[in-house]
Protein backbone atom coordinates (compact mmCIF):
# COMPACT_ATOMS: atom_id res chain seq x y z
CA THR A 1 4.23 16.83 -12.76
CA SER A 2 1.55 19.01 -14.13
CA ARG A 3 -0.75 20.89 -11.83
CA SER A 4 -3.86 19.26 -13.32
CA SER A 5 -2.43 15.74 -12.79
CA PHE A 6 -1.58 16.62 -9.15
CA ASP A 7 -5.07 18.01 -8.46
CA ASP A 8 -6.60 14.88 -10.04
CA ILE A 9 -4.66 12.35 -8.00
CA ALA A 10 -6.97 12.28 -4.94
CA GLY A 11 -9.87 11.29 -7.20
CA PHE A 12 -7.72 8.56 -8.82
CA LYS A 13 -6.95 7.22 -5.32
CA ASP A 14 -10.66 7.24 -4.30
CA LYS A 15 -11.63 5.33 -7.55
CA ILE A 16 -8.99 2.68 -6.75
CA LEU A 17 -10.24 2.27 -3.22
CA ARG A 18 -13.84 1.93 -4.41
CA ALA A 19 -12.91 -0.54 -7.16
CA LYS A 20 -10.97 -2.68 -4.60
CA ASP A 21 -13.63 -2.13 -1.97
CA VAL A 22 -10.91 -1.42 0.67
CA ASP A 23 -9.86 1.38 2.92
CA ASN A 24 -6.25 1.30 2.06
CA VAL A 25 -3.85 0.03 -0.76
CA PRO A 26 -0.10 0.27 -1.09
CA ILE A 27 0.71 3.63 -2.69
CA VAL A 28 3.90 5.40 -3.82
CA LEU A 29 3.21 8.97 -4.87
CA VAL A 30 5.58 9.80 -7.73
CA GLY A 31 6.26 13.18 -9.33
CA ASN A 32 7.65 12.84 -12.79
CA LYS A 33 9.92 15.02 -15.02
CA CYS A 34 11.97 16.25 -12.10
CA ASP A 35 14.67 17.17 -14.61
CA LEU A 36 12.41 20.01 -15.96
CA GLU A 37 12.87 22.25 -13.02
CA VAL A 38 12.07 25.43 -14.94
CA GLN A 39 8.68 24.07 -16.06
CA ARG A 40 7.78 22.84 -12.64
CA GLN A 41 4.13 23.30 -11.76
CA VAL A 42 4.04 21.38 -8.36
CA ALA A 43 6.55 22.05 -5.57
CA ALA A 44 8.22 19.03 -4.17
CA GLY A 45 6.94 20.03 -0.78
CA GLU A 46 3.35 19.67 -2.00
CA GLY A 47 4.01 16.14 -3.01
CA LYS A 48 5.73 15.34 0.24
CA GLU A 49 2.83 16.84 2.24
CA LEU A 50 0.22 14.83 0.32
CA ALA A 51 2.24 11.63 0.84
CA ARG A 52 2.53 12.41 4.48
CA GLN A 53 -1.33 12.90 4.71
CA TRP A 54 -1.88 9.58 2.89
CA GLY A 55 0.93 7.76 4.85
CA CYS A 56 2.78 6.75 1.74
CA ALA A 57 6.22 7.15 0.16
CA PHE A 58 6.99 10.08 -2.15
CA MET A 59 9.67 10.41 -4.77
CA GLU A 60 10.38 12.46 -7.87
CA THR A 61 11.67 10.84 -10.96
CA SER A 62 12.80 11.51 -14.57
CA ALA A 63 12.52 8.81 -17.26
CA LYS A 64 14.69 11.05 -19.60
CA GLU A 65 17.53 11.44 -17.16
CA ARG A 66 16.99 8.07 -15.45
CA ILE A 67 16.58 9.59 -12.07
CA LEU A 68 15.20 7.22 -9.46
CA ASN A 69 13.35 5.06 -11.96
CA GLU A 70 14.55 1.68 -10.66
CA GLU A 71 14.33 2.87 -7.00
CA CYS A 72 10.65 3.86 -7.75
CA PHE A 73 9.75 0.29 -8.76
CA TYR A 74 11.68 -1.16 -5.86
CA GLN A 75 9.77 1.03 -3.49
CA VAL A 76 6.42 -0.10 -5.02
CA VAL A 77 7.44 -3.70 -4.45
CA ARG A 78 8.47 -2.92 -0.75
CA GLU A 79 5.07 -1.25 -0.24
CA ILE A 80 3.20 -4.19 -1.63
CA ARG A 81 5.19 -6.67 0.46
CA LYS A 82 4.66 -4.62 3.52
CA ALA A 83 0.93 -4.61 2.93
CA GLU A 84 0.86 -8.33 2.42
CA ARG A 85 2.68 -9.15 5.69
CA PRO A 86 0.27 -11.04 7.97
CA VAL A 87 -0.68 -9.15 11.07
CA ARG A 88 0.32 -11.11 14.25
CA VAL A 89 -2.61 -11.68 16.53
CA GLU A 90 -2.34 -13.13 19.96
CA GLN A 91 -4.14 -16.48 19.91
CA ALA A 92 -6.16 -17.56 22.84
CA ALA A 93 -5.97 -21.13 24.08
CA PRO A 94 -8.26 -23.39 22.10
CA ILE A 95 -11.54 -24.17 23.70
CA GLN A 96 -11.73 -27.76 24.90
CA LYS A 97 -14.89 -29.55 23.74
CA PRO A 98 -16.20 -32.26 26.00
CA PRO A 99 -15.96 -35.79 24.61
CA LYS A 100 -18.96 -37.04 22.72
CA LYS A 101 -20.94 -39.69 24.35
CA SER A 102 -22.22 -42.13 21.69
CA GLY A 103 -23.52 -44.81 23.91
CA PHE A 104 -21.31 -47.38 22.28
CA LYS A 105 -18.15 -48.75 23.85
CA CYS A 106 -15.44 -50.73 22.25
CA THR A 107 -13.62 -53.20 24.35
CA ILE A 108 -10.74 -55.37 23.23
CA LEU A 109 -9.90 -58.54 25.25
């Protein structure tokens, strides 16, 4: 991952949150080109720390070497499903409404 891309990622996240008008969205932070270790501009630890701060998953991939590509997509799906799970809320007993008095009575003989 290039340094400029890494430095810009917080801005991308903020734009997504504003566009969705939410406080949180499912995120997987992904560093790419992990096969080019000699050209690395961002340490894996920096990505892990940012993911920890954001409360999201982090992984490094390489399209060229096919490193963790499928797992990355599976992780995205897991995060989306986790975010879509309904939150269980204790339900209070329903409020009983008094019966309506209409003034009419029906009697069958």
